[in-house]
Protein backbone atom coordinates (compact mmCIF):
# COMPACT_ATOMS: atom_id res chain seq x y z
CA MET A 1 -43.41 9.38 -79.97
CA ASN A 2 -45.19 10.26 -76.76
CA ALA A 3 -42.94 11.30 -73.92
CA ASP A 4 -43.48 12.41 -70.35
CA LEU A 5 -42.22 16.01 -70.40
CA THR A 6 -42.48 16.50 -66.64
CA GLY A 7 -39.34 18.22 -65.46
CA ALA A 8 -38.16 19.14 -68.96
CA GLU A 9 -35.82 22.15 -69.01
CA TRP A 10 -36.67 24.23 -72.07
CA ARG A 11 -34.20 26.58 -73.71
CA LYS A 12 -34.00 28.63 -76.88
CA SER A 13 -31.08 29.83 -78.89
CA ALA A 14 -29.29 33.00 -77.83
CA ARG A 15 -29.39 33.85 -81.54
CA SER A 16 -33.17 34.01 -81.52
CA GLY A 17 -33.09 37.76 -80.95
CA GLY A 18 -36.25 39.63 -80.05
CA SER A 19 -38.53 38.38 -82.81
CA GLY A 20 -40.39 36.02 -80.50
CA ASN A 21 -40.83 33.44 -83.28
CA CYS A 22 -38.56 30.78 -81.89
CA VAL A 23 -38.42 27.15 -81.04
CA GLU A 24 -37.43 25.79 -77.67
CA VAL A 25 -35.58 22.56 -77.13
CA ALA A 26 -35.49 20.26 -74.13
CA LEU A 27 -32.50 17.93 -74.07
CA ASP A 28 -31.90 15.01 -71.72
CA LEU A 29 -35.56 14.57 -70.77
CA PRO A 30 -35.67 13.17 -67.23
CA ASN A 31 -38.66 10.90 -67.95
CA ALA A 32 -37.75 9.97 -71.54
CA PRO A 33 -34.05 9.13 -71.76
CA GLY A 34 -32.64 9.25 -75.27
CA SER A 35 -35.19 11.85 -76.41
CA VAL A 36 -35.17 15.51 -77.42
CA ALA A 37 -38.34 17.64 -77.42
CA VAL A 38 -39.03 20.71 -79.58
CA ARG A 39 -41.88 23.24 -79.23
CA HIS A 40 -42.88 26.75 -80.36
CA SER A 41 -41.80 29.27 -77.72
CA GLN A 42 -44.98 31.37 -77.99
CA ARG A 43 -47.27 28.33 -77.73
CA PRO A 44 -45.71 26.15 -75.04
CA GLY A 45 -48.98 24.32 -74.44
CA ALA A 46 -49.36 23.33 -78.10
CA GLU A 47 -47.94 20.28 -79.84
CA VAL A 48 -44.46 19.12 -78.91
CA ILE A 49 -42.38 17.08 -81.33
CA VAL A 50 -40.14 14.46 -79.76
CA TYR A 51 -37.11 13.05 -81.53
CA THR A 52 -34.65 10.33 -80.62
CA ASP A 53 -31.13 11.47 -79.81
CA SER A 54 -29.92 10.03 -83.14
CA GLU A 55 -32.63 11.87 -85.12
CA TRP A 56 -31.70 15.12 -83.36
CA ALA A 57 -27.98 14.57 -84.02
CA ALA A 58 -28.69 14.00 -87.72
CA PHE A 59 -30.68 17.26 -87.85
CA VAL A 60 -27.95 19.25 -86.09
CA ASP A 61 -25.31 17.78 -88.42
CA GLY A 62 -27.46 18.78 -91.41
CA VAL A 63 -27.73 22.35 -90.12
CA ARG A 64 -23.98 22.56 -89.58
CA ASP A 65 -23.33 21.18 -93.07
CA GLY A 66 -25.67 23.74 -94.68
CA GLU A 67 -28.18 21.10 -95.80
CA PHE A 68 -31.10 23.44 -95.10
CA ASP A 69 -29.66 26.66 -96.49
CA LYS A 70 -31.77 28.39 -99.11
């Protein structure tokens, strides 16, 4: 999905620590309602992946349920 990311407010988890290898998330995109964008924090100009709100919610639910634990 291509989305206009103008005005996106990027944030990363407070749990990311000082490693620098983090992802940033932009919720409630002003120019792409119903979308969530994800990017690598050290390469903000590189590829951005955009999900629908329902795709993002499914991912977050999976994380909370331990679906991705090793």
